[in-house]
């Protein structure tokens, strides 16, 4: 989260992005999910 406090943190939430990233992380077991999360470091994985 790179926003400041109110009202800067009231930006619209990109739920589509979060669903896409979550699907990448949860598609396999713990090891594969962790590896994917670390690979998506800049995105917030």
ModelCIF file with pLDDT and N, C-alpha, C, O atoms, coordinates in Angstrom:
data_MODEL
#
_entry.id   MODEL 
#
_entity.id                         1 
_entity.type                       polymer 
_entity.pdbx_number_of_molecules   1 
#
_entity_poly.entity_id                      1 
_entity_poly.type                           'polypeptide(L)' 
_entity_poly.nstd_linkage                   no 
_entity_poly.nstd_monomer                   no 
_entity_poly.pdbx_seq_one_letter_code       
;(UNK)(UNK)(UNK)(UNK)(UNK)(UNK)(UNK)(UNK)(UNK)(UNK)(UNK)(UNK)(UNK)(UNK)(UNK)(UNK)
(UNK)(UNK)(UNK)(UNK)(UNK)(UNK)(UNK)(UNK)(UNK)(UNK)(UNK)(UNK)(UNK)(UNK)(UNK)(UNK)
(UNK)(UNK)(UNK)(UNK)(UNK)(UNK)(UNK)(UNK)(UNK)(UNK)(UNK)(UNK)(UNK)
;
_entity_poly.pdbx_seq_one_letter_code_can   XXXXXXXXXXXXXXXXXXXXXXXXXXXXXXXXXXXXXXXXXXXXX 
_entity_poly.pdbx_strand_id                 A 
#
loop_
_entity_poly_seq.entity_id 
_entity_poly_seq.num 
_entity_poly_seq.mon_id 
_entity_poly_seq.hetero 
1 1  UNK n 
1 2  UNK n 
1 3  UNK n 
1 4  UNK n 
1 5  UNK n 
1 6  UNK n 
1 7  UNK n 
1 8  UNK n 
1 9  UNK n 
1 10 UNK n 
1 11 UNK n 
1 12 UNK n 
1 13 UNK n 
1 14 UNK n 
1 15 UNK n 
1 16 UNK n 
1 17 UNK n 
1 18 UNK n 
1 19 UNK n 
1 20 UNK n 
1 21 UNK n 
1 22 UNK n 
1 23 UNK n 
1 24 UNK n 
1 25 UNK n 
1 26 UNK n 
1 27 UNK n 
1 28 UNK n 
1 29 UNK n 
1 30 UNK n 
1 31 UNK n 
1 32 UNK n 
1 33 UNK n 
1 34 UNK n 
1 35 UNK n 
1 36 UNK n 
1 37 UNK n 
1 38 UNK n 
1 39 UNK n 
1 40 UNK n 
1 41 UNK n 
1 42 UNK n 
1 43 UNK n 
1 44 UNK n 
1 45 UNK n 
#
_struct_asym.id          A 
_struct_asym.entity_id   1 
#
loop_
_ma_qa_metric.id 
_ma_qa_metric.mode 
_ma_qa_metric.name 
_ma_qa_metric.software_group_id 
_ma_qa_metric.type 
1 global pLDDT . pLDDT 
2 local  pLDDT . pLDDT 
#
_ma_qa_metric_global.metric_id      1 
_ma_qa_metric_global.metric_value   90.78 
_ma_qa_metric_global.model_id       1 
_ma_qa_metric_global.ordinal_id     1 
#
loop_
_ma_qa_metric_local.label_asym_id 
_ma_qa_metric_local.label_comp_id 
_ma_qa_metric_local.label_seq_id 
_ma_qa_metric_local.metric_id 
_ma_qa_metric_local.metric_value 
_ma_qa_metric_local.model_id 
_ma_qa_metric_local.ordinal_id 
A UNK 1  2 87.00 1 1  
A UNK 2  2 84.00 1 2  
A UNK 3  2 85.00 1 3  
A UNK 4  2 84.00 1 4  
A UNK 5  2 84.00 1 5  
A UNK 6  2 84.00 1 6  
A UNK 7  2 87.00 1 7  
A UNK 8  2 86.00 1 8  
A UNK 9  2 83.00 1 9  
A UNK 10 2 85.00 1 10 
A UNK 11 2 86.00 1 11 
A UNK 12 2 90.00 1 12 
A UNK 13 2 92.00 1 13 
A UNK 14 2 94.00 1 14 
A UNK 15 2 95.00 1 15 
A UNK 16 2 96.00 1 16 
A UNK 17 2 96.00 1 17 
A UNK 18 2 95.00 1 18 
A UNK 19 2 95.00 1 19 
A UNK 20 2 95.00 1 20 
A UNK 21 2 95.00 1 21 
A UNK 22 2 95.00 1 22 
A UNK 23 2 94.00 1 23 
A UNK 24 2 92.00 1 24 
A UNK 25 2 94.00 1 25 
A UNK 26 2 91.00 1 26 
A UNK 27 2 81.00 1 27 
A UNK 28 2 75.00 1 28 
A UNK 29 2 82.00 1 29 
A UNK 30 2 88.00 1 30 
A UNK 31 2 90.00 1 31 
A UNK 32 2 92.00 1 32 
A UNK 33 2 94.00 1 33 
A UNK 34 2 95.00 1 34 
A UNK 35 2 95.00 1 35 
A UNK 36 2 95.00 1 36 
A UNK 37 2 96.00 1 37 
A UNK 38 2 95.00 1 38 
A UNK 39 2 94.00 1 39 
A UNK 40 2 95.00 1 40 
A UNK 41 2 94.00 1 41 
A UNK 42 2 93.00 1 42 
A UNK 43 2 95.00 1 43 
A UNK 44 2 96.00 1 44 
A UNK 45 2 96.00 1 45 
#
loop_
_atom_site.group_PDB 
_atom_site.id 
_atom_site.type_symbol 
_atom_site.label_atom_id 
_atom_site.label_alt_id 
_atom_site.label_comp_id 
_atom_site.label_asym_id 
_atom_site.label_entity_id 
_atom_site.label_seq_id 
_atom_site.pdbx_PDB_ins_code 
_atom_site.Cartn_x 
_atom_site.Cartn_y 
_atom_site.Cartn_z 
_atom_site.occupancy 
_atom_site.B_iso_or_equiv 
_atom_site.pdbx_formal_charge 
_atom_site.auth_seq_id 
_atom_site.auth_comp_id 
_atom_site.auth_asym_id 
_atom_site.auth_atom_id 
_atom_site.pdbx_PDB_model_num 
ATOM 1   N N  . UNK A 1 1  ? 0.843   -1.190  0.000   1.00 87.00 ? 1  UNK A N  1 
ATOM 2   C CA . UNK A 1 1  ? 0.000   0.000   0.000   1.00 87.00 ? 1  UNK A CA 1 
ATOM 3   C C  . UNK A 1 1  ? 0.882   1.246   0.000   1.00 87.00 ? 1  UNK A C  1 
ATOM 4   O O  . UNK A 1 1  ? 1.628   1.492   0.948   1.00 87.00 ? 1  UNK A O  1 
ATOM 5   N N  . UNK A 1 2  ? 0.789   2.029   -1.076  1.00 84.00 ? 2  UNK A N  1 
ATOM 6   C CA . UNK A 1 2  ? 1.647   3.203   -1.226  1.00 84.00 ? 2  UNK A CA 1 
ATOM 7   C C  . UNK A 1 2  ? 0.893   4.523   -1.090  1.00 84.00 ? 2  UNK A C  1 
ATOM 8   O O  . UNK A 1 2  ? 1.423   5.581   -1.429  1.00 84.00 ? 2  UNK A O  1 
ATOM 9   N N  . UNK A 1 3  ? -0.329  4.461   -0.600  1.00 85.00 ? 3  UNK A N  1 
ATOM 10  C CA . UNK A 1 3  ? -1.096  5.701   -0.450  1.00 85.00 ? 3  UNK A CA 1 
ATOM 11  C C  . UNK A 1 3  ? -0.883  6.271   0.954   1.00 85.00 ? 3  UNK A C  1 
ATOM 12  O O  . UNK A 1 3  ? -0.387  5.590   1.852   1.00 85.00 ? 3  UNK A O  1 
ATOM 13  N N  . UNK A 1 4  ? -1.263  7.509   1.112   1.00 84.00 ? 4  UNK A N  1 
ATOM 14  C CA . UNK A 1 4  ? -1.228  8.159   2.410   1.00 84.00 ? 4  UNK A CA 1 
ATOM 15  C C  . UNK A 1 4  ? -2.572  7.929   3.097   1.00 84.00 ? 4  UNK A C  1 
ATOM 16  O O  . UNK A 1 4  ? -3.366  7.111   2.633   1.00 84.00 ? 4  UNK A O  1 
ATOM 17  N N  . UNK A 1 5  ? -2.839  8.639   4.193   1.00 84.00 ? 5  UNK A N  1 
ATOM 18  C CA . UNK A 1 5  ? -4.120  8.481   4.879   1.00 84.00 ? 5  UNK A CA 1 
ATOM 19  C C  . UNK A 1 5  ? -5.206  9.259   4.140   1.00 84.00 ? 5  UNK A C  1 
ATOM 20  O O  . UNK A 1 5  ? -4.964  9.823   3.073   1.00 84.00 ? 5  UNK A O  1 
ATOM 21  N N  . UNK A 1 6  ? -6.417  9.282   4.727   1.00 84.00 ? 6  UNK A N  1 
ATOM 22  C CA . UNK A 1 6  ? -7.553  9.951   4.077   1.00 84.00 ? 6  UNK A CA 1 
ATOM 23  C C  . UNK A 1 6  ? -7.168  11.337  3.559   1.00 84.00 ? 6  UNK A C  1 
ATOM 24  O O  . UNK A 1 6  ? -6.473  12.086  4.244   1.00 84.00 ? 6  UNK A O  1 
ATOM 25  N N  . UNK A 1 7  ? -7.614  11.672  2.365   1.00 87.00 ? 7  UNK A N  1 
ATOM 26  C CA . UNK A 1 7  ? -8.465  10.896  1.457   1.00 87.00 ? 7  UNK A CA 1 
ATOM 27  C C  . UNK A 1 7  ? -7.667  10.082  0.428   1.00 87.00 ? 7  UNK A C  1 
ATOM 28  O O  . UNK A 1 7  ? -8.251  9.435   -0.442  1.00 87.00 ? 7  UNK A O  1 
ATOM 29  N N  . UNK A 1 8  ? -6.326  10.116  0.530   1.00 86.00 ? 8  UNK A N  1 
ATOM 30  C CA . UNK A 1 8  ? -5.509  9.449   -0.488  1.00 86.00 ? 8  UNK A CA 1 
ATOM 31  C C  . UNK A 1 8  ? -5.754  7.941   -0.534  1.00 86.00 ? 8  UNK A C  1 
ATOM 32  O O  . UNK A 1 8  ? -5.657  7.331   -1.599  1.00 86.00 ? 8  UNK A O  1 
ATOM 33  N N  . UNK A 1 9  ? -6.069  7.336   0.614   1.00 83.00 ? 9  UNK A N  1 
ATOM 34  C CA . UNK A 1 9  ? -6.252  5.886   0.649   1.00 83.00 ? 9  UNK A CA 1 
ATOM 35  C C  . UNK A 1 9  ? -7.647  5.446   0.218   1.00 83.00 ? 9  UNK A C  1 
ATOM 36  O O  . UNK A 1 9  ? -7.994  4.274   0.363   1.00 83.00 ? 9  UNK A O  1 
ATOM 37  N N  . UNK A 1 10 ? -8.445  6.361   -0.307  1.00 85.00 ? 10 UNK A N  1 
ATOM 38  C CA . UNK A 1 10 ? -9.795  6.003   -0.760  1.00 85.00 ? 10 UNK A CA 1 
ATOM 39  C C  . UNK A 1 10 ? -9.859  5.750   -2.260  1.00 85.00 ? 10 UNK A C  1 
ATOM 40  O O  . UNK A 1 10 ? -10.918 5.887   -2.873  1.00 85.00 ? 10 UNK A O  1 
ATOM 41  N N  . UNK A 1 11 ? -8.747  5.389   -2.840  1.00 86.00 ? 11 UNK A N  1 
ATOM 42  C CA . UNK A 1 11 ? -8.736  5.082   -4.278  1.00 86.00 ? 11 UNK A CA 1 
ATOM 43  C C  . UNK A 1 11 ? -9.556  3.825   -4.546  1.00 86.00 ? 11 UNK A C  1 
ATOM 44  O O  . UNK A 1 11 ? -9.697  2.982   -3.661  1.00 86.00 ? 11 UNK A O  1 
ATOM 45  N N  . UNK A 1 12 ? -10.098 3.687   -5.753  1.00 90.00 ? 12 UNK A N  1 
ATOM 46  C CA . UNK A 1 12 ? -10.825 2.454   -6.086  1.00 90.00 ? 12 UNK A CA 1 
ATOM 47  C C  . UNK A 1 12 ? -9.895  1.241   -5.990  1.00 90.00 ? 12 UNK A C  1 
ATOM 48  O O  . UNK A 1 12 ? -8.730  1.313   -6.380  1.00 90.00 ? 12 UNK A O  1 
ATOM 49  N N  . UNK A 1 13 ? -10.414 0.137   -5.474  1.00 92.00 ? 13 UNK A N  1 
ATOM 50  C CA . UNK A 1 13 ? -9.636  -1.094  -5.322  1.00 92.00 ? 13 UNK A CA 1 
ATOM 51  C C  . UNK A 1 13 ? -9.727  -1.901  -6.601  1.00 92.00 ? 13 UNK A C  1 
ATOM 52  O O  . UNK A 1 13 ? -10.818 -2.110  -7.131  1.00 92.00 ? 13 UNK A O  1 
ATOM 53  N N  . UNK A 1 14 ? -8.579  -2.360  -7.102  1.00 94.00 ? 14 UNK A N  1 
ATOM 54  C CA . UNK A 1 14 ? -8.540  -3.197  -8.302  1.00 94.00 ? 14 UNK A CA 1 
ATOM 55  C C  . UNK A 1 14 ? -8.745  -4.654  -7.886  1.00 94.00 ? 14 UNK A C  1 
ATOM 56  O O  . UNK A 1 14 ? -7.783  -5.396  -7.686  1.00 94.00 ? 14 UNK A O  1 
ATOM 57  N N  . UNK A 1 15 ? -10.017 -5.051  -7.759  1.00 95.00 ? 15 UNK A N  1 
ATOM 58  C CA . UNK A 1 15 ? -10.323 -6.414  -7.321  1.00 95.00 ? 15 UNK A CA 1 
ATOM 59  C C  . UNK A 1 15 ? -9.928  -7.447  -8.369  1.00 95.00 ? 15 UNK A C  1 
ATOM 60  O O  . UNK A 1 15 ? -9.553  -8.568  -8.028  1.00 95.00 ? 15 UNK A O  1 
ATOM 61  N N  . UNK A 1 16 ? -10.010 -7.077  -9.625  1.00 96.00 ? 16 UNK A N  1 
ATOM 62  C CA . UNK A 1 16 ? -9.633  -8.005  -10.696 1.00 96.00 ? 16 UNK A CA 1 
ATOM 63  C C  . UNK A 1 16 ? -8.164  -8.391  -10.576 1.00 96.00 ? 16 UNK A C  1 
ATOM 64  O O  . UNK A 1 16 ? -7.816  -9.564  -10.715 1.00 96.00 ? 16 UNK A O  1 
ATOM 65  N N  . UNK A 1 17 ? -7.307  -7.417  -10.321 1.00 96.00 ? 17 UNK A N  1 
ATOM 66  C CA . UNK A 1 17 ? -5.884  -7.697  -10.124 1.00 96.00 ? 17 UNK A CA 1 
ATOM 67  C C  . UNK A 1 17 ? -5.678  -8.637  -8.947  1.00 96.00 ? 17 UNK A C  1 
ATOM 68  O O  . UNK A 1 17 ? -4.904  -9.589  -9.045  1.00 96.00 ? 17 UNK A O  1 
ATOM 69  N N  . UNK A 1 18 ? -6.354  -8.385  -7.846  1.00 95.00 ? 18 UNK A N  1 
ATOM 70  C CA . UNK A 1 18 ? -6.200  -9.223  -6.661  1.00 95.00 ? 18 UNK A CA 1 
ATOM 71  C C  . UNK A 1 18 ? -6.688  -10.639 -6.914  1.00 95.00 ? 18 UNK A C  1 
ATOM 72  O O  . UNK A 1 18 ? -6.062  -11.593 -6.454  1.00 95.00 ? 18 UNK A O  1 
ATOM 73  N N  . UNK A 1 19 ? -7.797  -10.798 -7.638  1.00 95.00 ? 19 UNK A N  1 
ATOM 74  C CA . UNK A 1 19 ? -8.285  -12.144 -7.968  1.00 95.00 ? 19 UNK A CA 1 
ATOM 75  C C  . UNK A 1 19 ? -7.283  -12.878 -8.843  1.00 95.00 ? 19 UNK A C  1 
ATOM 76  O O  . UNK A 1 19 ? -7.028  -14.064 -8.632  1.00 95.00 ? 19 UNK A O  1 
ATOM 77  N N  . UNK A 1 20 ? -6.710  -12.184 -9.827  1.00 95.00 ? 20 UNK A N  1 
ATOM 78  C CA . UNK A 1 20 ? -5.741  -12.799 -10.733 1.00 95.00 ? 20 UNK A CA 1 
ATOM 79  C C  . UNK A 1 20 ? -4.493  -13.245 -9.974  1.00 95.00 ? 20 UNK A C  1 
ATOM 80  O O  . UNK A 1 20 ? -4.028  -14.371 -10.149 1.00 95.00 ? 20 UNK A O  1 
ATOM 81  N N  . UNK A 1 21 ? -3.952  -12.367 -9.133  1.00 95.00 ? 21 UNK A N  1 
ATOM 82  C CA . UNK A 1 21 ? -2.763  -12.712 -8.360  1.00 95.00 ? 21 UNK A CA 1 
ATOM 83  C C  . UNK A 1 21 ? -3.044  -13.850 -7.380  1.00 95.00 ? 21 UNK A C  1 
ATOM 84  O O  . UNK A 1 21 ? -2.221  -14.753 -7.231  1.00 95.00 ? 21 UNK A O  1 
ATOM 85  N N  . UNK A 1 22 ? -4.187  -13.815 -6.719  1.00 95.00 ? 22 UNK A N  1 
ATOM 86  C CA . UNK A 1 22 ? -4.528  -14.859 -5.764  1.00 95.00 ? 22 UNK A CA 1 
ATOM 87  C C  . UNK A 1 22 ? -4.662  -16.212 -6.453  1.00 95.00 ? 22 UNK A C  1 
ATOM 88  O O  . UNK A 1 22 ? -4.253  -17.234 -5.901  1.00 95.00 ? 22 UNK A O  1 
ATOM 89  N N  . UNK A 1 23 ? -5.231  -16.223 -7.654  1.00 94.00 ? 23 UNK A N  1 
ATOM 90  C CA . UNK A 1 23 ? -5.349  -17.483 -8.404  1.00 94.00 ? 23 UNK A CA 1 
ATOM 91  C C  . UNK A 1 23 ? -3.971  -18.056 -8.723  1.00 94.00 ? 23 UNK A C  1 
ATOM 92  O O  . UNK A 1 23 ? -3.783  -19.272 -8.695  1.00 94.00 ? 23 UNK A O  1 
ATOM 93  N N  . UNK A 1 24 ? -3.007  -17.184 -9.028  1.00 92.00 ? 24 UNK A N  1 
ATOM 94  C CA . UNK A 1 24 ? -1.643  -17.653 -9.300  1.00 92.00 ? 24 UNK A CA 1 
ATOM 95  C C  . UNK A 1 24 ? -1.007  -18.270 -8.058  1.00 92.00 ? 24 UNK A C  1 
ATOM 96  O O  . UNK A 1 24 ? -0.259  -19.243 -8.157  1.00 92.00 ? 24 UNK A O  1 
ATOM 97  N N  . UNK A 1 25 ? -1.303  -17.708 -6.902  1.00 94.00 ? 25 UNK A N  1 
ATOM 98  C CA . UNK A 1 25 ? -0.671  -18.173 -5.665  1.00 94.00 ? 25 UNK A CA 1 
ATOM 99  C C  . UNK A 1 25 ? -1.296  -19.449 -5.133  1.00 94.00 ? 25 UNK A C  1 
ATOM 100 O O  . UNK A 1 25 ? -0.611  -20.260 -4.510  1.00 94.00 ? 25 UNK A O  1 
ATOM 101 N N  . UNK A 1 26 ? -2.577  -19.639 -5.367  1.00 91.00 ? 26 UNK A N  1 
ATOM 102 C CA . UNK A 1 26 ? -3.289  -20.744 -4.733  1.00 91.00 ? 26 UNK A CA 1 
ATOM 103 C C  . UNK A 1 26 ? -3.537  -21.918 -5.667  1.00 91.00 ? 26 UNK A C  1 
ATOM 104 O O  . UNK A 1 26 ? -4.216  -22.870 -5.280  1.00 91.00 ? 26 UNK A O  1 
ATOM 105 N N  . UNK A 1 27 ? -3.016  -21.882 -6.862  1.00 81.00 ? 27 UNK A N  1 
ATOM 106 C CA . UNK A 1 27 ? -3.262  -22.945 -7.831  1.00 81.00 ? 27 UNK A CA 1 
ATOM 107 C C  . UNK A 1 27 ? -2.531  -24.238 -7.526  1.00 81.00 ? 27 UNK A C  1 
ATOM 108 O O  . UNK A 1 27 ? -2.902  -25.284 -8.059  1.00 81.00 ? 27 UNK A O  1 
ATOM 109 N N  . UNK A 1 28 ? -1.498  -24.205 -6.682  1.00 75.00 ? 28 UNK A N  1 
ATOM 110 C CA . UNK A 1 28 ? -0.713  -25.403 -6.362  1.00 75.00 ? 28 UNK A CA 1 
ATOM 111 C C  . UNK A 1 28 ? -0.512  -25.473 -4.849  1.00 75.00 ? 28 UNK A C  1 
ATOM 112 O O  . UNK A 1 28 ? -1.194  -24.776 -4.098  1.00 75.00 ? 28 UNK A O  1 
ATOM 113 N N  . UNK A 1 29 ? 0.412   -26.301 -4.410  1.00 82.00 ? 29 UNK A N  1 
ATOM 114 C CA . UNK A 1 29 ? 0.679   -26.468 -2.982  1.00 82.00 ? 29 UNK A CA 1 
ATOM 115 C C  . UNK A 1 29 ? 1.418   -25.287 -2.383  1.00 82.00 ? 29 UNK A C  1 
ATOM 116 O O  . UNK A 1 29 ? 1.638   -24.266 -3.034  1.00 82.00 ? 29 UNK A O  1 
ATOM 117 N N  . UNK A 1 30 ? 1.799   -25.457 -1.109  1.00 88.00 ? 30 UNK A N  1 
ATOM 118 C CA . UNK A 1 30 ? 2.454   -24.389 -0.361  1.00 88.00 ? 30 UNK A CA 1 
ATOM 119 C C  . UNK A 1 30 ? 3.768   -23.981 -1.020  1.00 88.00 ? 30 UNK A C  1 
ATOM 120 O O  . UNK A 1 30 ? 4.030   -22.790 -1.182  1.00 88.00 ? 30 UNK A O  1 
ATOM 121 N N  . UNK A 1 31 ? 4.595   -24.952 -1.402  1.00 90.00 ? 31 UNK A N  1 
ATOM 122 C CA . UNK A 1 31 ? 5.893   -24.634 -2.005  1.00 90.00 ? 31 UNK A CA 1 
ATOM 123 C C  . UNK A 1 31 ? 5.766   -23.824 -3.279  1.00 90.00 ? 31 UNK A C  1 
ATOM 124 O O  . UNK A 1 31 ? 6.462   -22.825 -3.459  1.00 90.00 ? 31 UNK A O  1 
ATOM 125 N N  . UNK A 1 32 ? 4.873   -24.255 -4.167  1.00 92.00 ? 32 UNK A N  1 
ATOM 126 C CA . UNK A 1 32 ? 4.681   -23.546 -5.431  1.00 92.00 ? 32 UNK A CA 1 
ATOM 127 C C  . UNK A 1 32 ? 4.051   -22.183 -5.192  1.00 92.00 ? 32 UNK A C  1 
ATOM 128 O O  . UNK A 1 32 ? 4.397   -21.215 -5.869  1.00 92.00 ? 32 UNK A O  1 
ATOM 129 N N  . UNK A 1 33 ? 3.124   -22.095 -4.232  1.00 94.00 ? 33 UNK A N  1 
ATOM 130 C CA . UNK A 1 33 ? 2.486   -20.815 -3.924  1.00 94.00 ? 33 UNK A CA 1 
ATOM 131 C C  . UNK A 1 33 ? 3.478   -19.809 -3.380  1.00 94.00 ? 33 UNK A C  1 
ATOM 132 O O  . UNK A 1 33 ? 3.437   -18.632 -3.740  1.00 94.00 ? 33 UNK A O  1 
ATOM 133 N N  . UNK A 1 34 ? 4.376   -20.268 -2.506  1.00 95.00 ? 34 UNK A N  1 
ATOM 134 C CA . UNK A 1 34 ? 5.400   -19.393 -1.957  1.00 95.00 ? 34 UNK A CA 1 
ATOM 135 C C  . UNK A 1 34 ? 6.335   -18.909 -3.055  1.00 95.00 ? 34 UNK A C  1 
ATOM 136 O O  . UNK A 1 34 ? 6.661   -17.723 -3.116  1.00 95.00 ? 34 UNK A O  1 
ATOM 137 N N  . UNK A 1 35 ? 6.765   -19.809 -3.914  1.00 95.00 ? 35 UNK A N  1 
ATOM 138 C CA . UNK A 1 35 ? 7.670   -19.429 -5.009  1.00 95.00 ? 35 UNK A CA 1 
ATOM 139 C C  . UNK A 1 35 ? 7.014   -18.385 -5.905  1.00 95.00 ? 35 UNK A C  1 
ATOM 140 O O  . UNK A 1 35 ? 7.660   -17.421 -6.316  1.00 95.00 ? 35 UNK A O  1 
ATOM 141 N N  . UNK A 1 36 ? 5.742   -18.573 -6.204  1.00 95.00 ? 36 UNK A N  1 
ATOM 142 C CA . UNK A 1 36 ? 5.012   -17.609 -7.033  1.00 95.00 ? 36 UNK A CA 1 
ATOM 143 C C  . UNK A 1 36 ? 4.882   -16.269 -6.313  1.00 95.00 ? 36 UNK A C  1 
ATOM 144 O O  . UNK A 1 36 ? 5.028   -15.211 -6.925  1.00 95.00 ? 36 UNK A O  1 
ATOM 145 N N  . UNK A 1 37 ? 4.606   -16.322 -5.005  1.00 96.00 ? 37 UNK A N  1 
ATOM 146 C CA . UNK A 1 37 ? 4.473   -15.090 -4.227  1.00 96.00 ? 37 UNK A CA 1 
ATOM 147 C C  . UNK A 1 37 ? 5.772   -14.299 -4.238  1.00 96.00 ? 37 UNK A C  1 
ATOM 148 O O  . UNK A 1 37 ? 5.755   -13.081 -4.419  1.00 96.00 ? 37 UNK A O  1 
ATOM 149 N N  . UNK A 1 38 ? 6.884   -14.972 -4.048  1.00 95.00 ? 38 UNK A N  1 
ATOM 150 C CA . UNK A 1 38 ? 8.181   -14.290 -4.046  1.00 95.00 ? 38 UNK A CA 1 
ATOM 151 C C  . UNK A 1 38 ? 8.514   -13.739 -5.426  1.00 95.00 ? 38 UNK A C  1 
ATOM 152 O O  . UNK A 1 38 ? 9.111   -12.669 -5.548  1.00 95.00 ? 38 UNK A O  1 
ATOM 153 N N  . UNK A 1 39 ? 8.123   -14.478 -6.472  1.00 94.00 ? 39 UNK A N  1 
ATOM 154 C CA . UNK A 1 39 ? 8.362   -14.000 -7.838  1.00 94.00 ? 39 UNK A CA 1 
ATOM 155 C C  . UNK A 1 39 ? 7.532   -12.748 -8.138  1.00 94.00 ? 39 UNK A C  1 
ATOM 156 O O  . UNK A 1 39 ? 7.911   -11.929 -8.976  1.00 94.00 ? 39 UNK A O  1 
ATOM 157 N N  . UNK A 1 40 ? 6.414   -12.613 -7.456  1.00 95.00 ? 40 UNK A N  1 
ATOM 158 C CA . UNK A 1 40 ? 5.540   -11.449 -7.641  1.00 95.00 ? 40 UNK A CA 1 
ATOM 159 C C  . UNK A 1 40 ? 5.808   -10.384 -6.575  1.00 95.00 ? 40 UNK A C  1 
ATOM 160 O O  . UNK A 1 40 ? 4.903   -9.642  -6.195  1.00 95.00 ? 40 UNK A O  1 
ATOM 161 N N  . UNK A 1 41 ? 7.043   -10.311 -6.099  1.00 94.00 ? 41 UNK A N  1 
ATOM 162 C CA . UNK A 1 41 ? 7.408   -9.364  -5.046  1.00 94.00 ? 41 UNK A CA 1 
ATOM 163 C C  . UNK A 1 41 ? 7.019   -7.931  -5.319  1.00 94.00 ? 41 UNK A C  1 
ATOM 164 O O  . UNK A 1 41 ? 6.372   -7.312  -4.474  1.00 94.00 ? 41 UNK A O  1 
ATOM 165 N N  . UNK A 1 42 ? 7.387   -7.367  -6.472  1.00 93.00 ? 42 UNK A N  1 
ATOM 166 C CA . UNK A 1 42 ? 7.039   -5.967  -6.739  1.00 93.00 ? 42 UNK A CA 1 
ATOM 167 C C  . UNK A 1 42 ? 5.529   -5.709  -6.792  1.00 93.00 ? 42 UNK A C  1 
ATOM 168 O O  . UNK A 1 42 ? 5.076   -4.609  -6.473  1.00 93.00 ? 42 UNK A O  1 
ATOM 169 N N  . UNK A 1 43 ? 4.755   -6.715  -7.194  1.00 95.00 ? 43 UNK A N  1 
ATOM 170 C CA . UNK A 1 43 ? 3.301   -6.551  -7.289  1.00 95.00 ? 43 UNK A CA 1 
ATOM 171 C C  . UNK A 1 43 ? 2.602   -6.702  -5.945  1.00 95.00 ? 43 UNK A C  1 
ATOM 172 O O  . UNK A 1 43 ? 1.426   -6.361  -5.822  1.00 95.00 ? 43 UNK A O  1 
ATOM 173 N N  . UNK A 1 44 ? 3.307   -7.210  -4.936  1.00 96.00 ? 44 UNK A N  1 
ATOM 174 C CA . UNK A 1 44 ? 2.686   -7.424  -3.630  1.00 96.00 ? 44 UNK A CA 1 
ATOM 175 C C  . UNK A 1 44 ? 2.381   -8.877  -3.341  1.00 96.00 ? 44 UNK A C  1 
ATOM 176 O O  . UNK A 1 44 ? 1.641   -9.177  -2.404  1.00 96.00 ? 44 UNK A O  1 
ATOM 177 N N  . UNK A 1 45 ? 2.941   -9.793  -4.134  1.00 96.00 ? 45 UNK A N  1 
ATOM 178 C CA . UNK A 1 45 ? 2.698   -11.219 -3.936  1.00 96.00 ? 45 UNK A CA 1 
ATOM 179 C C  . UNK A 1 45 ? 2.967   -11.716 -2.524  1.00 96.00 ? 45 UNK A C  1 
ATOM 180 O O  . UNK A 1 45 ? 2.796   -12.902 -2.243  1.00 96.00 ? 45 UNK A O  1 
#
